[in-house]
Every structure is written in C-alpha cells, then in structure tokens.
Protein backbone atom coordinates (compact mmCIF):
# COMPACT_ATOMS: atom_id res chain seq x y z
CA MET A 1 103.96 118.67 116.13
CA ARG A 2 107.60 118.31 115.53
CA GLU A 3 108.41 119.75 118.94
CA ASN A 4 106.55 116.95 120.44
CA LEU A 5 108.70 114.41 118.61
CA ASN A 6 111.93 115.66 120.13
CA LYS A 7 111.12 114.12 123.35
CA PHE A 8 111.79 110.68 121.70
CA ASN A 9 115.01 111.63 120.33
CA LEU A 10 114.16 111.01 116.65
CA ALA A 11 116.42 112.10 113.91
CA THR A 12 115.21 113.64 110.84
CA GLU A 13 115.91 110.44 108.72
CA ASP A 14 113.79 108.40 111.45
CA TYR A 15 110.59 109.55 110.06
CA TYR A 16 108.69 111.92 107.79
CA MET A 17 105.12 113.18 107.86
CA SER A 18 102.48 112.03 105.58
CA LYS A 19 100.21 114.47 103.84
CA GLU A 20 97.60 113.50 106.04
CA GLY A 21 99.68 114.56 109.06
CA TYR A 22 100.69 111.04 110.18
CA ILE A 23 104.24 110.06 111.48
CA VAL A 24 105.66 107.59 109.10
CA PHE A 25 108.79 105.72 110.38
CA THR A 26 111.53 104.85 107.75
CA ALA A 27 113.32 101.68 107.54
CA LYS A 28 116.40 103.22 109.20
CA TYR A 29 114.23 103.98 112.29
CA HIS A 30 113.23 100.21 112.25
CA LEU A 31 116.73 99.03 112.11
CA LYS A 32 117.81 101.41 114.96
CA ARG A 33 114.90 99.88 117.11
CA GLY A 34 116.07 96.40 116.21
CA TYR A 35 113.00 94.35 115.92
CA CYS A 36 109.52 94.11 114.17
CA CYS A 37 106.63 94.96 116.06
CA SER A 38 104.00 93.13 113.78
CA SER A 39 102.15 96.26 113.03
CA ASN A 40 102.46 95.87 109.25
CA CYS A 41 104.68 99.19 109.04
CA LEU A 42 105.11 100.52 105.48
CA HIS A 43 108.82 100.50 105.83
CA CYS A 44 109.61 97.57 107.77
CA PRO A 45 112.90 96.06 106.78
CA TYR A 46 112.09 92.75 108.84
CA LYS A 47 109.00 91.81 106.66
CA LYS A 48 109.60 89.71 103.55
CA ASN A 49 106.71 91.24 101.60
CA ASN A 50 107.25 94.88 101.95
CA LEU A 51 105.30 97.44 99.67
C-alpha cells in the first residue's frame, strides 16, 4: 500500500494509516495543500471546530 502512495510524493509526516487501514492526512499535509476541501477531515487546520 505504501508503495502506491509514493506516486503522490507524500512525506511520512503527511499521513498515517488507521488501524482499519485507511489513510489519514495530518494537519501538516493540509497546510501544505493550502486549502480546506470541506470533507470534514479529522486533522483539518482550517476548520474552527476540529476534534
């Protein structure tokens, strides 16, 4: 799975794998991207009411 992520040029601090096997993007990734996608991401630094 991680080999497939290399084509997106993701650094190790950009994501982690959940115990269910999903890719979870970190706040650092969202800041690099530069905008909110309005998908209610867990670590979105652009939302006022993060969990």
